Amino acid sequence: MYRLTVLYGHPDDPDQFDRYYHEVHLPIASKMQGLQGWTLGKCEAVTPGEKPPYYLIVGLYAESRVAMEAILASPEGQAAVADVSNFATGGAEFMYDEENVLVDLHLSNDA
């Protein structure tokens, strides 16, 4: 299983980022076909009261790197990638890794 992690920096206007991300970006990105999983979470600092290094972390999962690259190369994937610059005023970093599960994980769909 491969994961594409997207690390979003702190936006200029967090409320505007959140609104755009949920109302515009997610509907665009949800059209991508072939993902095995998708997670997102607001970052919290290890030390309470400190600002975390990133605002939001997103994990997209696919069977392989080749499969993930095909998803991103599709018209739907290209639309999602192109949209990032419309709201990510704090920047966004993308990185791949091959996941090795040490303890089985089950997440819920609760938002």
N, C-alpha and C. Protein backbone atom coordinates (compact mmCIF):
# COMPACT_ATOMS: atom_id res chain seq x y z
N MET A 1 0.85 -1.18 0.00
CA MET A 1 0.00 0.00 0.00
C MET A 1 0.89 1.23 0.00
N TYR A 2 0.60 2.15 -0.89
CA TYR A 2 1.34 3.41 -0.96
C TYR A 2 0.48 4.55 -0.44
N ARG A 3 1.13 5.48 0.21
CA ARG A 3 0.45 6.67 0.71
C ARG A 3 1.09 7.90 0.09
N LEU A 4 0.24 8.80 -0.36
CA LEU A 4 0.67 10.14 -0.73
C LEU A 4 0.23 11.04 0.41
N THR A 5 1.19 11.66 1.08
CA THR A 5 0.88 12.56 2.18
C THR A 5 0.97 13.98 1.67
N VAL A 6 -0.02 14.78 2.02
CA VAL A 6 -0.03 16.20 1.70
C VAL A 6 0.00 16.95 3.03
N LEU A 7 1.02 17.77 3.20
CA LEU A 7 1.17 18.58 4.41
C LEU A 7 0.88 20.03 4.04
N TYR A 8 -0.20 20.56 4.55
CA TYR A 8 -0.59 21.94 4.27
C TYR A 8 -0.03 22.85 5.36
N GLY A 9 0.68 23.90 4.93
CA GLY A 9 1.17 24.90 5.87
C GLY A 9 0.02 25.74 6.40
N HIS A 10 0.33 26.54 7.40
CA HIS A 10 -0.70 27.39 8.00
C HIS A 10 -1.17 28.45 7.01
N PRO A 11 -2.48 28.46 6.73
CA PRO A 11 -3.02 29.42 5.76
C PRO A 11 -3.10 30.83 6.34
N ASP A 12 -3.17 31.81 5.45
CA ASP A 12 -3.34 33.21 5.87
C ASP A 12 -4.65 33.39 6.62
N ASP A 13 -5.70 32.72 6.17
CA ASP A 13 -7.03 32.82 6.78
C ASP A 13 -7.57 31.40 6.99
N PRO A 14 -7.39 30.84 8.19
CA PRO A 14 -7.83 29.46 8.43
C PRO A 14 -9.31 29.19 8.14
N ASP A 15 -10.18 30.13 8.48
CA ASP A 15 -11.61 29.92 8.22
C ASP A 15 -11.89 29.83 6.73
N GLN A 16 -11.25 30.69 5.95
CA GLN A 16 -11.43 30.67 4.51
C GLN A 16 -10.86 29.37 3.93
N PHE A 17 -9.69 28.92 4.42
CA PHE A 17 -9.10 27.65 3.99
C PHE A 17 -10.08 26.51 4.25
N ASP A 18 -10.58 26.42 5.47
CA ASP A 18 -11.49 25.33 5.84
C ASP A 18 -12.74 25.33 4.97
N ARG A 19 -13.31 26.49 4.78
CA ARG A 19 -14.52 26.61 3.98
C ARG A 19 -14.25 26.14 2.54
N TYR A 20 -13.18 26.65 1.93
CA TYR A 20 -12.85 26.29 0.55
C TYR A 20 -12.53 24.79 0.46
N TYR A 21 -11.74 24.32 1.40
CA TYR A 21 -11.32 22.91 1.36
C TYR A 21 -12.54 21.99 1.38
N HIS A 22 -13.48 22.24 2.28
CA HIS A 22 -14.63 21.36 2.42
C HIS A 22 -15.71 21.59 1.36
N GLU A 23 -15.91 22.83 0.95
CA GLU A 23 -17.00 23.14 0.02
C GLU A 23 -16.60 23.06 -1.45
N VAL A 24 -15.31 23.26 -1.74
CA VAL A 24 -14.87 23.28 -3.15
C VAL A 24 -13.88 22.16 -3.45
N HIS A 25 -12.79 22.10 -2.67
CA HIS A 25 -11.73 21.13 -3.00
C HIS A 25 -12.17 19.68 -2.82
N LEU A 26 -12.79 19.35 -1.70
CA LEU A 26 -13.20 17.96 -1.49
C LEU A 26 -14.15 17.46 -2.57
N PRO A 27 -15.14 18.25 -3.00
CA PRO A 27 -15.99 17.77 -4.11
C PRO A 27 -15.19 17.54 -5.40
N ILE A 28 -14.18 18.36 -5.66
CA ILE A 28 -13.34 18.15 -6.85
C ILE A 28 -12.52 16.87 -6.67
N ALA A 29 -11.83 16.77 -5.53
CA ALA A 29 -10.92 15.64 -5.29
C ALA A 29 -11.67 14.32 -5.14
N SER A 30 -12.90 14.35 -4.65
CA SER A 30 -13.65 13.11 -4.44
C SER A 30 -14.03 12.43 -5.76
N LYS A 31 -13.83 13.10 -6.87
CA LYS A 31 -14.11 12.50 -8.17
C LYS A 31 -12.99 11.57 -8.63
N MET A 32 -11.83 11.60 -7.94
CA MET A 32 -10.73 10.71 -8.30
C MET A 32 -11.15 9.26 -8.06
N GLN A 33 -10.87 8.40 -9.02
CA GLN A 33 -11.23 6.99 -8.95
C GLN A 33 -10.00 6.14 -8.62
N GLY A 34 -10.19 5.12 -7.79
CA GLY A 34 -9.13 4.16 -7.54
C GLY A 34 -8.43 4.27 -6.19
N LEU A 35 -8.77 5.28 -5.39
CA LEU A 35 -8.14 5.40 -4.08
C LEU A 35 -8.59 4.25 -3.18
N GLN A 36 -7.67 3.72 -2.40
CA GLN A 36 -7.96 2.65 -1.44
C GLN A 36 -8.33 3.22 -0.08
N GLY A 37 -7.99 4.48 0.16
CA GLY A 37 -8.29 5.14 1.42
C GLY A 37 -7.96 6.61 1.34
N TRP A 38 -8.51 7.36 2.31
CA TRP A 38 -8.31 8.80 2.32
C TRP A 38 -8.53 9.28 3.74
N THR A 39 -7.54 9.92 4.31
CA THR A 39 -7.65 10.45 5.67
C THR A 39 -7.26 11.92 5.68
N LEU A 40 -7.76 12.64 6.66
CA LEU A 40 -7.30 14.01 6.86
C LEU A 40 -7.46 14.36 8.33
N GLY A 41 -6.63 15.27 8.78
CA GLY A 41 -6.71 15.69 10.17
C GLY A 41 -6.01 17.02 10.39
N LYS A 42 -6.60 17.82 11.26
CA LYS A 42 -5.96 19.08 11.67
C LYS A 42 -4.79 18.73 12.59
N CYS A 43 -3.68 19.37 12.37
CA CYS A 43 -2.48 19.09 13.16
C CYS A 43 -2.54 19.75 14.52
N GLU A 44 -1.98 19.07 15.50
CA GLU A 44 -1.85 19.59 16.86
C GLU A 44 -0.40 19.46 17.27
N ALA A 45 0.09 20.44 18.00
CA ALA A 45 1.47 20.40 18.48
C ALA A 45 1.60 19.36 19.58
N VAL A 46 2.78 18.81 19.72
CA VAL A 46 3.05 17.85 20.80
C VAL A 46 2.94 18.56 22.14
N THR A 47 3.48 19.78 22.19
CA THR A 47 3.41 20.57 23.42
C THR A 47 2.19 21.48 23.35
N PRO A 48 1.25 21.33 24.29
CA PRO A 48 0.06 22.18 24.29
C PRO A 48 0.42 23.66 24.26
N GLY A 49 -0.32 24.41 23.45
CA GLY A 49 -0.10 25.85 23.34
C GLY A 49 0.86 26.25 22.25
N GLU A 50 1.66 25.31 21.76
CA GLU A 50 2.58 25.62 20.66
C GLU A 50 1.87 25.43 19.32
N LYS A 51 2.35 26.11 18.32
CA LYS A 51 1.80 26.00 16.97
C LYS A 51 2.45 24.78 16.29
N PRO A 52 1.65 23.88 15.74
CA PRO A 52 2.23 22.73 15.05
C PRO A 52 2.91 23.17 13.75
N PRO A 53 3.82 22.37 13.23
CA PRO A 53 4.52 22.77 12.00
C PRO A 53 3.63 22.84 10.77
N TYR A 54 2.50 22.13 10.79
CA TYR A 54 1.57 22.12 9.66
C TYR A 54 0.16 22.33 10.16
N TYR A 55 -0.71 22.79 9.26
CA TYR A 55 -2.10 23.06 9.59
C TYR A 55 -2.97 21.81 9.39
N LEU A 56 -2.78 21.13 8.27
CA LEU A 56 -3.61 19.98 7.91
C LEU A 56 -2.74 18.92 7.27
N ILE A 57 -3.01 17.67 7.59
CA ILE A 57 -2.30 16.55 6.96
C ILE A 57 -3.34 15.66 6.29
N VAL A 58 -3.06 15.27 5.05
CA VAL A 58 -3.97 14.44 4.28
C VAL A 58 -3.20 13.21 3.81
N GLY A 59 -3.83 12.05 3.92
CA GLY A 59 -3.25 10.81 3.41
C GLY A 59 -4.14 10.21 2.35
N LEU A 60 -3.58 9.99 1.18
CA LEU A 60 -4.29 9.32 0.09
C LEU A 60 -3.60 7.98 -0.13
N TYR A 61 -4.38 6.91 -0.21
CA TYR A 61 -3.81 5.56 -0.28
C TYR A 61 -4.19 4.88 -1.58
N ALA A 62 -3.21 4.18 -2.16
CA ALA A 62 -3.43 3.41 -3.38
C ALA A 62 -2.63 2.11 -3.29
N GLU A 63 -2.95 1.19 -4.16
CA GLU A 63 -2.32 -0.12 -4.17
C GLU A 63 -0.81 -0.04 -4.39
N SER A 64 -0.37 0.91 -5.19
CA SER A 64 1.06 1.05 -5.51
C SER A 64 1.34 2.50 -5.89
N ARG A 65 2.61 2.83 -6.01
CA ARG A 65 2.95 4.16 -6.46
C ARG A 65 2.48 4.38 -7.90
N VAL A 66 2.63 3.35 -8.71
CA VAL A 66 2.16 3.44 -10.10
C VAL A 66 0.66 3.72 -10.13
N ALA A 67 -0.09 3.05 -9.27
CA ALA A 67 -1.54 3.28 -9.22
C ALA A 67 -1.84 4.70 -8.77
N MET A 68 -1.12 5.20 -7.76
CA MET A 68 -1.35 6.57 -7.28
C MET A 68 -1.02 7.58 -8.37
N GLU A 69 0.08 7.36 -9.06
CA GLU A 69 0.45 8.29 -10.13
C GLU A 69 -0.58 8.27 -11.26
N ALA A 70 -1.17 7.11 -11.53
CA ALA A 70 -2.23 7.03 -12.55
C ALA A 70 -3.47 7.78 -12.09
N ILE A 71 -3.81 7.67 -10.81
CA ILE A 71 -4.95 8.40 -10.26
C ILE A 71 -4.72 9.90 -10.43
N LEU A 72 -3.53 10.36 -10.07
CA LEU A 72 -3.22 11.79 -10.15
C LEU A 72 -3.09 12.28 -11.58
N ALA A 73 -2.73 11.39 -12.50
CA ALA A 73 -2.60 11.77 -13.91
C ALA A 73 -3.95 11.82 -14.63
N SER A 74 -4.98 11.25 -14.02
CA SER A 74 -6.31 11.27 -14.63
C SER A 74 -6.83 12.71 -14.67
N PRO A 75 -7.82 12.99 -15.51
CA PRO A 75 -8.38 14.35 -15.52
C PRO A 75 -8.88 14.79 -14.14
N GLU A 76 -9.47 13.86 -13.39
CA GLU A 76 -9.97 14.20 -12.05
C GLU A 76 -8.82 14.49 -11.09
N GLY A 77 -7.75 13.70 -11.20
CA GLY A 77 -6.58 13.94 -10.37
C GLY A 77 -5.89 15.24 -10.72
N GLN A 78 -5.79 15.53 -12.00
CA GLN A 78 -5.17 16.78 -12.43
C GLN A 78 -5.98 17.99 -11.95
N ALA A 79 -7.30 17.88 -11.96
CA ALA A 79 -8.15 18.96 -11.47
C ALA A 79 -7.93 19.19 -9.98
N ALA A 80 -7.82 18.10 -9.22
CA ALA A 80 -7.59 18.22 -7.78
C ALA A 80 -6.24 18.85 -7.49
N VAL A 81 -5.21 18.40 -8.17
CA VAL A 81 -3.87 18.95 -7.97
C VAL A 81 -3.83 20.43 -8.36
N ALA A 82 -4.44 20.77 -9.48
CA ALA A 82 -4.46 22.16 -9.95
C ALA A 82 -5.20 23.07 -8.98
N ASP A 83 -6.17 22.54 -8.26
CA ASP A 83 -6.97 23.35 -7.35
C ASP A 83 -6.20 23.75 -6.09
N VAL A 84 -5.16 23.02 -5.72
CA VAL A 84 -4.44 23.28 -4.47
C VAL A 84 -3.96 24.73 -4.39
N SER A 85 -3.47 25.26 -5.47
CA SER A 85 -2.95 26.64 -5.44
C SER A 85 -4.05 27.68 -5.21
N ASN A 86 -5.30 27.28 -5.35
CA ASN A 86 -6.41 28.22 -5.14
C ASN A 86 -6.72 28.47 -3.66
N PHE A 87 -6.19 27.63 -2.77
CA PHE A 87 -6.54 27.81 -1.35
C PHE A 87 -5.37 27.61 -0.40
N ALA A 88 -4.30 26.97 -0.83
CA ALA A 88 -3.19 26.62 0.07
C ALA A 88 -2.20 27.79 0.19
N THR A 89 -2.64 28.86 0.84
CA THR A 89 -1.80 30.05 0.96
C THR A 89 -0.58 29.81 1.84
N GLY A 90 -0.60 28.77 2.65
CA GLY A 90 0.55 28.43 3.48
C GLY A 90 1.46 27.40 2.82
N GLY A 91 1.16 27.06 1.58
CA GLY A 91 1.95 26.07 0.86
C GLY A 91 1.47 24.66 1.12
N ALA A 92 1.96 23.74 0.31
CA ALA A 92 1.62 22.33 0.46
C ALA A 92 2.82 21.50 0.02
N GLU A 93 3.14 20.50 0.81
CA GLU A 93 4.23 19.58 0.49
C GLU A 93 3.63 18.21 0.24
N PHE A 94 4.13 17.53 -0.79
CA PHE A 94 3.65 16.21 -1.18
C PHE A 94 4.79 15.21 -1.03
N MET A 95 4.49 14.04 -0.46
CA MET A 95 5.51 13.00 -0.38
C MET A 95 4.87 11.63 -0.39
N TYR A 96 5.59 10.67 -0.98
CA TYR A 96 5.16 9.29 -1.04
C TYR A 96 5.86 8.45 0.01
N ASP A 97 5.18 7.39 0.43
CA ASP A 97 5.86 6.35 1.19
C ASP A 97 5.13 5.04 1.01
N GLU A 98 5.88 3.96 1.14
CA GLU A 98 5.27 2.63 1.11
C GLU A 98 4.95 2.26 2.55
N GLU A 99 3.68 2.03 2.81
CA GLU A 99 3.23 1.74 4.17
C GLU A 99 3.55 0.29 4.54
N ASN A 100 4.05 0.10 5.74
CA ASN A 100 4.27 -1.21 6.32
C ASN A 100 3.46 -1.26 7.61
N VAL A 101 2.40 -2.04 7.61
CA VAL A 101 1.50 -2.10 8.76
C VAL A 101 2.10 -3.00 9.83
N LEU A 102 2.32 -2.43 11.00
CA LEU A 102 2.85 -3.19 12.13
C LEU A 102 1.75 -3.64 13.06
N VAL A 103 0.71 -2.84 13.20
CA VAL A 103 -0.48 -3.18 13.97
C VAL A 103 -1.67 -2.81 13.10
N ASP A 104 -2.57 -3.76 12.89
CA ASP A 104 -3.72 -3.51 12.03
C ASP A 104 -4.51 -2.31 12.53
N LEU A 105 -4.94 -1.47 11.61
CA LEU A 105 -5.61 -0.21 11.94
C LEU A 105 -6.99 -0.18 11.30
N HIS A 106 -7.98 0.23 12.07
CA HIS A 106 -9.34 0.39 11.55
C HIS A 106 -9.82 1.77 11.95
N LEU A 107 -10.09 2.61 10.96
CA LEU A 107 -10.58 3.96 11.20
C LEU A 107 -12.06 4.01 10.85
N SER A 108 -12.79 4.92 11.49
CA SER A 108 -14.20 5.10 11.16
C SER A 108 -14.35 6.25 10.19
N ASN A 109 -15.51 6.38 9.59
CA ASN A 109 -15.80 7.48 8.68
C ASN A 109 -16.38 8.68 9.38
N ASP A 110 -16.37 8.71 10.69
CA ASP A 110 -16.93 9.84 11.44
C ASP A 110 -16.16 11.11 11.11
N ALA A 111 -16.89 12.15 10.79
CA ALA A 111 -16.25 13.43 10.45
C ALA A 111 -16.10 14.29 11.68
